[in-house]
């Protein structure tokens, strides 16, 4: 990811999510659909889409690596984080 400063020219609201749907591949890009689990009007469980992220496979992998690195920064050495991420990427398709 770029070392350029992050600017927010207009207010962007935070989006709370509890899960992600299957990836949608669109040529060289992919779409990640994020949802929040909730109860529908009849009380049954449902997953309501709250946002969709679209980006290149390369950029999405960088974002995923940054999330993993950030989540493990305090509890795990960086080489172990990289090892875990590579394990994730090489896992069978049904795991991600």
C-alpha atoms as a PDB file:
ATOM      1  CA  UNK A   1       0.000   0.000   0.000  1.00  0.00           C
ATOM      2  CA  UNK A   2       1.067   3.551  -0.595  1.00  0.00           C
ATOM      3  CA  UNK A   3       3.056   5.588   1.901  1.00  0.00           C
ATOM      4  CA  UNK A   4       1.140   8.701   0.812  1.00  0.00           C
ATOM      5  CA  UNK A   5      -0.820  10.473   3.546  1.00  0.00           C
ATOM      6  CA  UNK A   6      -4.449   9.511   4.043  1.00  0.00           C
ATOM      7  CA  UNK A   7      -6.842  12.438   3.640  1.00  0.00           C
ATOM      8  CA  UNK A   8     -10.598  12.560   4.179  1.00  0.00           C
ATOM      9  CA  UNK A   9     -11.963  15.398   1.992  1.00  0.00           C
ATOM     10  CA  UNK A  10     -15.503  14.551   3.083  1.00  0.00           C
ATOM     11  CA  UNK A  11     -16.755  12.669   6.112  1.00  0.00           C
ATOM     12  CA  UNK A  12     -16.830   8.897   5.574  1.00  0.00           C
ATOM     13  CA  UNK A  13     -18.949   7.035   8.093  1.00  0.00           C
ATOM     14  CA  UNK A  14     -17.611   3.966   9.862  1.00  0.00           C
ATOM     15  CA  UNK A  15     -19.346   0.749   8.807  1.00  0.00           C
ATOM     16  CA  UNK A  16     -19.743  -2.029  11.390  1.00  0.00           C
ATOM     17  CA  UNK A  17     -19.657  -5.562   9.975  1.00  0.00           C
ATOM     18  CA  UNK A  18     -19.995  -9.037  11.423  1.00  0.00           C
ATOM     19  CA  UNK A  19     -19.137 -11.093   8.346  1.00  0.00           C
ATOM     20  CA  UNK A  20     -18.332 -11.370   4.661  1.00  0.00           C
ATOM     21  CA  UNK A  21     -20.083 -13.112   1.829  1.00  0.00           C
ATOM     22  CA  UNK A  22     -18.315 -15.080  -0.900  1.00  0.00           C
ATOM     23  CA  UNK A  23     -15.917 -13.123  -3.101  1.00  0.00           C
ATOM     24  CA  UNK A  24     -17.161 -12.160  -6.547  1.00  0.00           C
ATOM     25  CA  UNK A  25     -14.458 -12.214  -9.228  1.00  0.00           C
ATOM     26  CA  UNK A  26     -14.789  -9.598 -11.954  1.00  0.00           C
ATOM     27  CA  UNK A  27     -11.867  -9.950 -14.359  1.00  0.00           C
ATOM     28  CA  UNK A  28      -8.751  -8.684 -12.549  1.00  0.00           C
ATOM     29  CA  UNK A  29     -10.865  -7.236  -9.725  1.00  0.00           C
ATOM     30  CA  UNK A  30     -12.905  -8.777  -6.976  1.00  0.00           C
ATOM     31  CA  UNK A  31     -15.822  -7.683  -4.841  1.00  0.00           C
ATOM     32  CA  UNK A  32     -16.026  -8.367  -1.116  1.00  0.00           C
ATOM     33  CA  UNK A  33     -19.582  -8.060   0.213  1.00  0.00           C
ATOM     34  CA  UNK A  34     -19.713  -7.270   3.939  1.00  0.00           C
ATOM     35  CA  UNK A  35     -22.779  -7.758   6.095  1.00  0.00           C
ATOM     36  CA  UNK A  36     -24.160  -7.487   9.599  1.00  0.00           C
ATOM     37  CA  UNK A  37     -26.091 -10.388  11.134  1.00  0.00           C
ATOM     38  CA  UNK A  38     -29.534  -9.422  12.358  1.00  0.00           C
ATOM     39  CA  UNK A  39     -33.080 -10.664  12.826  1.00  0.00           C
ATOM     40  CA  UNK A  40     -35.579 -10.127  10.030  1.00  0.00           C
ATOM     41  CA  UNK A  41     -39.092  -8.811  10.597  1.00  0.00           C
ATOM     42  CA  UNK A  42     -40.378 -12.332  11.231  1.00  0.00           C
ATOM     43  CA  UNK A  43     -37.592 -13.025  13.757  1.00  0.00           C
ATOM     44  CA  UNK A  44     -35.517 -15.313  11.552  1.00  0.00           C
ATOM     45  CA  UNK A  45     -31.776 -14.653  11.207  1.00  0.00           C
ATOM     46  CA  UNK A  46     -30.500 -12.826   8.132  1.00  0.00           C
ATOM     47  CA  UNK A  47     -27.339 -11.123   6.915  1.00  0.00           C
ATOM     48  CA  UNK A  48     -27.954  -7.540   5.765  1.00  0.00           C
ATOM     49  CA  UNK A  49     -25.402  -6.150   3.290  1.00  0.00           C
ATOM     50  CA  UNK A  50     -23.860  -2.932   4.605  1.00  0.00           C
ATOM     51  CA  UNK A  51     -21.075  -2.334   2.070  1.00  0.00           C
ATOM     52  CA  UNK A  52     -19.239  -3.804  -0.914  1.00  0.00           C
ATOM     53  CA  UNK A  53     -15.509  -3.328  -1.494  1.00  0.00           C
ATOM     54  CA  UNK A  54     -14.141  -3.627  -5.026  1.00  0.00           C
ATOM     55  CA  UNK A  55     -10.451  -3.717  -5.825  1.00  0.00           C
ATOM     56  CA  UNK A  56      -7.704  -5.566  -7.603  1.00  0.00           C
ATOM     57  CA  UNK A  57      -6.685  -8.949  -6.229  1.00  0.00           C
ATOM     58  CA  UNK A  58      -3.272  -7.511  -5.401  1.00  0.00           C
ATOM     59  CA  UNK A  59      -4.676  -4.541  -3.465  1.00  0.00           C
ATOM     60  CA  UNK A  60      -7.214  -6.714  -1.616  1.00  0.00           C
ATOM     61  CA  UNK A  61      -4.425  -9.099  -0.558  1.00  0.00           C
ATOM     62  CA  UNK A  62      -2.391  -6.117   0.724  1.00  0.00           C
ATOM     63  CA  UNK A  63      -5.412  -4.936   2.724  1.00  0.00           C
ATOM     64  CA  UNK A  64      -5.947  -8.443   4.132  1.00  0.00           C
ATOM     65  CA  UNK A  65      -2.255  -8.639   5.082  1.00  0.00           C
ATOM     66  CA  UNK A  66      -2.451  -5.226   6.805  1.00  0.00           C
ATOM     67  CA  UNK A  67      -5.485  -6.359   8.817  1.00  0.00           C
ATOM     68  CA  UNK A  68      -3.766  -9.572   9.851  1.00  0.00           C
ATOM     69  CA  UNK A  69      -0.559  -7.700  10.708  1.00  0.00           C
ATOM     70  CA  UNK A  70      -2.494  -5.169  12.796  1.00  0.00           C
ATOM     71  CA  UNK A  71      -4.498  -7.809  14.645  1.00  0.00           C
ATOM     72  CA  UNK A  72      -1.377  -9.765  15.547  1.00  0.00           C
ATOM     73  CA  UNK A  73       1.028  -6.843  16.099  1.00  0.00           C
ATOM     74  CA  UNK A  74       1.063  -7.034  19.881  1.00  0.00           C
ATOM     75  CA  UNK A  75       0.844 -10.759  20.342  1.00  0.00           C
ATOM     76  CA  UNK A  76       2.940 -12.275  17.576  1.00  0.00           C
ATOM     77  CA  UNK A  77       6.316 -11.610  15.907  1.00  0.00           C
ATOM     78  CA  UNK A  78       6.049 -10.356  12.300  1.00  0.00           C
ATOM     79  CA  UNK A  79       7.626 -13.493  10.802  1.00  0.00           C
ATOM     80  CA  UNK A  80       4.882 -15.596  12.424  1.00  0.00           C
ATOM     81  CA  UNK A  81       2.220 -13.197  11.068  1.00  0.00           C
ATOM     82  CA  UNK A  82       3.632 -13.593   7.543  1.00  0.00           C
ATOM     83  CA  UNK A  83       3.757 -17.371   7.999  1.00  0.00           C
ATOM     84  CA  UNK A  84       0.117 -17.430   9.144  1.00  0.00           C
ATOM     85  CA  UNK A  85      -0.958 -15.258   6.214  1.00  0.00           C
ATOM     86  CA  UNK A  86       0.846 -17.488   3.730  1.00  0.00           C
ATOM     87  CA  UNK A  87      -0.835 -20.512   5.341  1.00  0.00           C
ATOM     88  CA  UNK A  88      -4.180 -18.768   4.856  1.00  0.00           C
ATOM     89  CA  UNK A  89      -3.478 -17.998   1.192  1.00  0.00           C
ATOM     90  CA  UNK A  90      -2.368 -21.552   0.479  1.00  0.00           C
ATOM     91  CA  UNK A  91      -5.330 -23.152   2.273  1.00  0.00           C
ATOM     92  CA  UNK A  92      -7.961 -25.082   0.332  1.00  0.00           C
ATOM     93  CA  UNK A  93     -10.520 -22.812  -1.353  1.00  0.00           C
ATOM     94  CA  UNK A  94     -13.334 -23.875   0.995  1.00  0.00           C
ATOM     95  CA  UNK A  95     -11.463 -22.261   3.918  1.00  0.00           C
ATOM     96  CA  UNK A  96     -11.679 -18.758   2.372  1.00  0.00           C
END
